Amino acid sequence: MLMILTKQMITYFRTQTSYMNLDLQLQEFKFKTPIYQRWSDMDEAGHVNNAVYLTYLEEARVRYFHEATKWNWQEDGIILANVNMNYVRPLLYNEAAFIYARVSKIGTKSFEMQYIITVEKADSKALVAHGSSVQVMFDYKNNCSTLVPTTVREKLSTFEQNSF
């Protein structure tokens, strides 16, 4: 019993210290979009099903690319290589939820994105989940990865105000 309690405390502590000051964390994000929940997103427990969060991240990613770079999907293909999601608290139907997204790192052929999902009221914000994904530049005609184009790197750097 003591061992289980200790593991729970450690998990709780890590989650809280990673996002102790949510407003401070959100200052690093230049992009925010609302989550449009559907009734079909809910599960029997009355909250958004865990698998649906990946769809929310996908929607945010596509909107981010459009806003940040005016992404040309015919010229610059990407493929999702990895996604990670950490759930902090349930998201209930009709809560005013938002996703914050940003590119946090650009490599030679890939880039990493970070996400924070919040519920926001007039006077408060609550952390719902946080995650990350890795996208790899991909040539679908030749079925192989490619270098991150200079134009994409420059547009992302300009949007994020970061010189990766």
C-alpha atoms as a PDB file:
ATOM      1  CA  MET A   1       0.000   0.000   0.000  1.00  0.00           C
ATOM      2  CA  LEU A   2       2.778   2.430   0.875  1.00  0.00           C
ATOM      3  CA  MET A   3       4.570   1.650  -2.416  1.00  0.00           C
ATOM      4  CA  ILE A   4       1.457   2.425  -4.508  1.00  0.00           C
ATOM      5  CA  LEU A   5       0.876   5.679  -2.641  1.00  0.00           C
ATOM      6  CA  THR A   6       4.499   6.671  -3.185  1.00  0.00           C
ATOM      7  CA  LYS A   7       4.290   6.022  -6.958  1.00  0.00           C
ATOM      8  CA  GLN A   8       1.075   8.029  -7.162  1.00  0.00           C
ATOM      9  CA  MET A   9       2.682  10.893  -5.259  1.00  0.00           C
ATOM     10  CA  ILE A  10       5.721  10.871  -7.546  1.00  0.00           C
ATOM     11  CA  THR A  11       3.521  10.874 -10.661  1.00  0.00           C
ATOM     12  CA  TYR A  12       1.414  13.708  -9.242  1.00  0.00           C
ATOM     13  CA  PHE A  13       4.504  15.716  -8.293  1.00  0.00           C
ATOM     14  CA  ARG A  14       6.074  15.333 -11.753  1.00  0.00           C
ATOM     15  CA  THR A  15       2.865  16.449 -13.453  1.00  0.00           C
ATOM     16  CA  GLN A  16       2.430  19.436 -11.156  1.00  0.00           C
ATOM     17  CA  THR A  17       6.034  20.632 -11.298  1.00  0.00           C
ATOM     18  CA  SER A  18       6.194  20.271 -15.083  1.00  0.00           C
ATOM     19  CA  TYR A  19       3.182  22.562 -15.451  1.00  0.00           C
ATOM     20  CA  MET A  20       3.160  24.317 -12.078  1.00  0.00           C
ATOM     21  CA  ASN A  21       2.706  27.761 -13.591  1.00  0.00           C
ATOM     22  CA  LEU A  22       0.435  27.177 -16.566  1.00  0.00           C
ATOM     23  CA  ASP A  23       0.331  30.840 -17.595  1.00  0.00           C
ATOM     24  CA  LEU A  24       4.125  30.930 -17.711  1.00  0.00           C
ATOM     25  CA  GLN A  25       4.204  27.788 -19.878  1.00  0.00           C
ATOM     26  CA  LEU A  26       1.567  29.169 -22.253  1.00  0.00           C
ATOM     27  CA  GLN A  27       3.647  32.294 -22.910  1.00  0.00           C
ATOM     28  CA  GLU A  28       5.950  30.092 -25.002  1.00  0.00           C
ATOM     29  CA  PHE A  29       3.093  29.266 -27.398  1.00  0.00           C
ATOM     30  CA  LYS A  30       2.234  31.598 -30.283  1.00  0.00           C
ATOM     31  CA  PHE A  31      -0.673  29.478 -31.555  1.00  0.00           C
ATOM     32  CA  LYS A  32      -3.998  28.722 -29.883  1.00  0.00           C
ATOM     33  CA  THR A  33      -7.133  27.170 -31.346  1.00  0.00           C
ATOM     34  CA  PRO A  34     -10.455  26.120 -29.818  1.00  0.00           C
ATOM     35  CA  ILE A  35     -11.452  22.474 -29.565  1.00  0.00           C
ATOM     36  CA  TYR A  36     -14.820  21.775 -31.136  1.00  0.00           C
ATOM     37  CA  GLN A  37     -16.107  18.781 -29.215  1.00  0.00           C
ATOM     38  CA  ARG A  38     -18.609  16.434 -30.790  1.00  0.00           C
ATOM     39  CA  TRP A  39     -21.072  14.304 -28.894  1.00  0.00           C
ATOM     40  CA  SER A  40     -19.404  11.279 -30.507  1.00  0.00           C
ATOM     41  CA  ASP A  41     -16.108  12.239 -28.791  1.00  0.00           C
ATOM     42  CA  MET A  42     -17.555  11.179 -25.428  1.00  0.00           C
ATOM     43  CA  ASP A  43     -17.259   7.746 -23.869  1.00  0.00           C
ATOM     44  CA  GLU A  44     -19.373   5.936 -21.282  1.00  0.00           C
ATOM     45  CA  ALA A  45     -17.557   7.717 -18.453  1.00  0.00           C
ATOM     46  CA  GLY A  46     -18.990  11.031 -19.682  1.00  0.00           C
ATOM     47  CA  HIS A  47     -15.737  12.607 -20.835  1.00  0.00           C
ATOM     48  CA  VAL A  48     -13.733  12.822 -24.047  1.00  0.00           C
ATOM     49  CA  ASN A  49     -12.313   9.415 -24.950  1.00  0.00           C
ATOM     50  CA  ASN A  50      -8.517   9.255 -24.739  1.00  0.00           C
ATOM     51  CA  ALA A  51      -8.119   8.276 -28.420  1.00  0.00           C
ATOM     52  CA  VAL A  52      -9.953  11.431 -29.555  1.00  0.00           C
ATOM     53  CA  TYR A  53      -7.170  13.637 -28.172  1.00  0.00           C
ATOM     54  CA  LEU A  54      -4.952  12.512 -31.058  1.00  0.00           C
ATOM     55  CA  THR A  55      -7.547  13.829 -33.497  1.00  0.00           C
ATOM     56  CA  TYR A  56      -7.591  17.120 -31.596  1.00  0.00           C
ATOM     57  CA  LEU A  57      -3.784  17.305 -31.935  1.00  0.00           C
ATOM     58  CA  GLU A  58      -4.052  16.569 -35.653  1.00  0.00           C
ATOM     59  CA  GLU A  59      -6.593  19.361 -36.161  1.00  0.00           C
ATOM     60  CA  ALA A  60      -4.405  21.790 -34.214  1.00  0.00           C
ATOM     61  CA  ARG A  61      -1.331  20.719 -36.207  1.00  0.00           C
ATOM     62  CA  VAL A  62      -3.044  21.342 -39.556  1.00  0.00           C
ATOM     63  CA  ARG A  63      -4.350  24.741 -38.421  1.00  0.00           C
ATOM     64  CA  TYR A  64      -0.916  25.630 -37.036  1.00  0.00           C
ATOM     65  CA  PHE A  65       0.789  24.771 -40.343  1.00  0.00           C
ATOM     66  CA  HIS A  66      -1.714  26.872 -42.274  1.00  0.00           C
ATOM     67  CA  GLU A  67      -1.352  29.877 -39.983  1.00  0.00           C
ATOM     68  CA  ALA A  68       2.403  29.664 -39.383  1.00  0.00           C
ATOM     69  CA  THR A  69       3.615  28.770 -42.863  1.00  0.00           C
ATOM     70  CA  LYS A  70       0.721  28.705 -45.336  1.00  0.00           C
ATOM     71  CA  TRP A  71       1.880  25.082 -45.758  1.00  0.00           C
ATOM     72  CA  ASN A  72       1.843  23.709 -49.310  1.00  0.00           C
ATOM     73  CA  TRP A  73       0.838  20.065 -48.859  1.00  0.00           C
ATOM     74  CA  GLN A  74       1.609  19.236 -52.512  1.00  0.00           C
ATOM     75  CA  GLU A  75       5.224  20.424 -52.187  1.00  0.00           C
ATOM     76  CA  ASP A  76       6.069  19.655 -48.564  1.00  0.00           C
ATOM     77  CA  GLY A  77       4.934  16.251 -47.390  1.00  0.00           C
ATOM     78  CA  ILE A  78       5.200  15.165 -43.779  1.00  0.00           C
ATOM     79  CA  ILE A  79       4.490  11.959 -41.957  1.00  0.00           C
ATOM     80  CA  LEU A  80       3.791  11.533 -38.263  1.00  0.00           C
ATOM     81  CA  ALA A  81       6.602   9.513 -36.675  1.00  0.00           C
ATOM     82  CA  ASN A  82       5.749   9.739 -32.981  1.00  0.00           C
ATOM     83  CA  VAL A  83       3.066  11.105 -30.686  1.00  0.00           C
ATOM     84  CA  ASN A  84       2.975  11.285 -26.910  1.00  0.00           C
ATOM     85  CA  MET A  85       0.013  12.308 -24.755  1.00  0.00           C
ATOM     86  CA  ASN A  86      -0.115  12.883 -20.995  1.00  0.00           C
ATOM     87  CA  TYR A  87      -3.583  13.101 -19.492  1.00  0.00           C
ATOM     88  CA  VAL A  88      -3.975  15.261 -16.396  1.00  0.00           C
ATOM     89  CA  ARG A  89      -7.732  15.534 -15.951  1.00  0.00           C
ATOM     90  CA  PRO A  90     -10.873  14.574 -17.911  1.00  0.00           C
ATOM     91  CA  LEU A  91     -12.295  16.911 -20.537  1.00  0.00           C
ATOM     92  CA  LEU A  92     -16.066  17.100 -20.219  1.00  0.00           C
ATOM     93  CA  TYR A  93     -18.617  17.844 -22.909  1.00  0.00           C
ATOM     94  CA  ASN A  94     -19.146  21.553 -23.580  1.00  0.00           C
ATOM     95  CA  GLU A  95     -16.181  22.752 -21.535  1.00  0.00           C
ATOM     96  CA  ALA A  96     -14.428  25.677 -23.246  1.00  0.00           C
ATOM     97  CA  ALA A  97     -11.278  23.841 -24.305  1.00  0.00           C
ATOM     98  CA  PHE A  98      -8.262  25.053 -26.286  1.00  0.00           C
ATOM     99  CA  ILE A  99      -5.087  23.598 -27.737  1.00  0.00           C
ATOM    100  CA  TYR A 100      -1.852  25.542 -27.699  1.00  0.00           C
ATOM    101  CA  ALA A 101       0.724  24.302 -30.218  1.00  0.00           C
ATOM    102  CA  ARG A 102       4.291  25.173 -31.098  1.00  0.00           C
ATOM    103  CA  VAL A 103       7.325  23.849 -32.897  1.00  0.00           C
ATOM    104  CA  SER A 104       9.940  23.329 -30.210  1.00  0.00           C
ATOM    105  CA  LYS A 105      12.775  21.828 -32.224  1.00  0.00           C
ATOM    106  CA  ILE A 106      13.782  21.472 -35.877  1.00  0.00           C
ATOM    107  CA  GLY A 107      16.232  18.793 -36.930  1.00  0.00           C
ATOM    108  CA  THR A 108      17.689  17.860 -40.298  1.00  0.00           C
ATOM    109  CA  LYS A 109      14.690  15.852 -41.513  1.00  0.00           C
ATOM    110  CA  SER A 110      12.157  16.272 -38.730  1.00  0.00           C
ATOM    111  CA  PHE A 111      10.671  18.677 -36.255  1.00  0.00           C
ATOM    112  CA  GLU A 112       9.032  18.336 -32.863  1.00  0.00           C
ATOM    113  CA  MET A 113       5.790  19.961 -31.788  1.00  0.00           C
ATOM    114  CA  GLN A 114       4.479  20.451 -28.266  1.00  0.00           C
ATOM    115  CA  TYR A 115       0.851  20.819 -27.243  1.00  0.00           C
ATOM    116  CA  ILE A 116      -1.040  21.933 -24.167  1.00  0.00           C
ATOM    117  CA  ILE A 117      -4.787  21.377 -23.844  1.00  0.00           C
ATOM    118  CA  THR A 118      -6.614  23.617 -21.398  1.00  0.00           C
ATOM    119  CA  VAL A 119     -10.088  24.379 -20.157  1.00  0.00           C
ATOM    120  CA  GLU A 120     -10.569  28.112 -19.812  1.00  0.00           C
ATOM    121  CA  LYS A 121     -13.073  30.195 -17.912  1.00  0.00           C
ATOM    122  CA  ALA A 122     -13.177  33.969 -17.584  1.00  0.00           C
ATOM    123  CA  ASP A 123     -10.920  33.939 -14.524  1.00  0.00           C
ATOM    124  CA  SER A 124      -8.994  30.673 -14.750  1.00  0.00           C
ATOM    125  CA  LYS A 125      -7.232  28.081 -16.886  1.00  0.00           C
ATOM    126  CA  ALA A 126      -6.872  24.402 -16.047  1.00  0.00           C
ATOM    127  CA  LEU A 127      -4.455  21.942 -17.598  1.00  0.00           C
ATOM    128  CA  VAL A 128      -6.229  18.991 -19.203  1.00  0.00           C
ATOM    129  CA  ALA A 129      -3.378  17.302 -21.078  1.00  0.00           C
ATOM    130  CA  HIS A 130      -0.004  17.941 -22.663  1.00  0.00           C
ATOM    131  CA  GLY A 131       1.841  16.115 -25.391  1.00  0.00           C
ATOM    132  CA  SER A 132       4.284  16.159 -28.229  1.00  0.00           C
ATOM    133  CA  SER A 133       4.703  14.818 -31.741  1.00  0.00           C
ATOM    134  CA  VAL A 134       7.521  14.325 -34.221  1.00  0.00           C
ATOM    135  CA  GLN A 135       6.883  14.971 -37.895  1.00  0.00           C
ATOM    136  CA  VAL A 136       9.300  13.817 -40.582  1.00  0.00           C
ATOM    137  CA  MET A 137       9.531  15.525 -43.958  1.00  0.00           C
ATOM    138  CA  PHE A 138       8.456  12.892 -46.476  1.00  0.00           C
ATOM    139  CA  ASP A 139       8.499  12.479 -50.252  1.00  0.00           C
ATOM    140  CA  TYR A 140       5.404  10.401 -50.986  1.00  0.00           C
ATOM    141  CA  LYS A 141       6.326   9.885 -54.664  1.00  0.00           C
ATOM    142  CA  ASN A 142       9.673   8.293 -53.799  1.00  0.00           C
ATOM    143  CA  ASN A 143       8.548   6.905 -50.426  1.00  0.00           C
ATOM    144  CA  CYS A 144      11.461   8.366 -48.445  1.00  0.00           C
ATOM    145  CA  SER A 145      12.287  11.029 -45.889  1.00  0.00           C
ATOM    146  CA  THR A 146      13.717  14.358 -47.045  1.00  0.00           C
ATOM    147  CA  LEU A 147      15.496  17.329 -45.528  1.00  0.00           C
ATOM    148  CA  VAL A 148      13.460  20.091 -43.899  1.00  0.00           C
ATOM    149  CA  PRO A 149      13.335  22.710 -46.682  1.00  0.00           C
ATOM    150  CA  THR A 150      14.992  26.034 -45.907  1.00  0.00           C
ATOM    151  CA  THR A 151      11.735  27.859 -46.655  1.00  0.00           C
ATOM    152  CA  VAL A 152       9.832  25.759 -44.102  1.00  0.00           C
ATOM    153  CA  ARG A 153      12.583  26.228 -41.508  1.00  0.00           C
ATOM    154  CA  GLU A 154      12.569  30.011 -42.069  1.00  0.00           C
ATOM    155  CA  LYS A 155       8.777  30.304 -41.858  1.00  0.00           C
ATOM    156  CA  LEU A 156       8.629  28.268 -38.656  1.00  0.00           C
ATOM    157  CA  SER A 157      11.513  30.253 -37.162  1.00  0.00           C
ATOM    158  CA  THR A 158       9.804  33.530 -38.013  1.00  0.00           C
ATOM    159  CA  PHE A 159       6.439  32.415 -36.610  1.00  0.00           C
ATOM    160  CA  GLU A 160       7.972  31.031 -33.416  1.00  0.00           C
ATOM    161  CA  GLN A 161      10.430  33.933 -33.089  1.00  0.00           C
ATOM    162  CA  ASN A 162      13.137  31.330 -32.589  1.00  0.00           C
ATOM    163  CA  SER A 163      16.325  30.703 -34.551  1.00  0.00           C
ATOM    164  CA  PHE A 164      16.262  26.896 -34.211  1.00  0.00           C
END
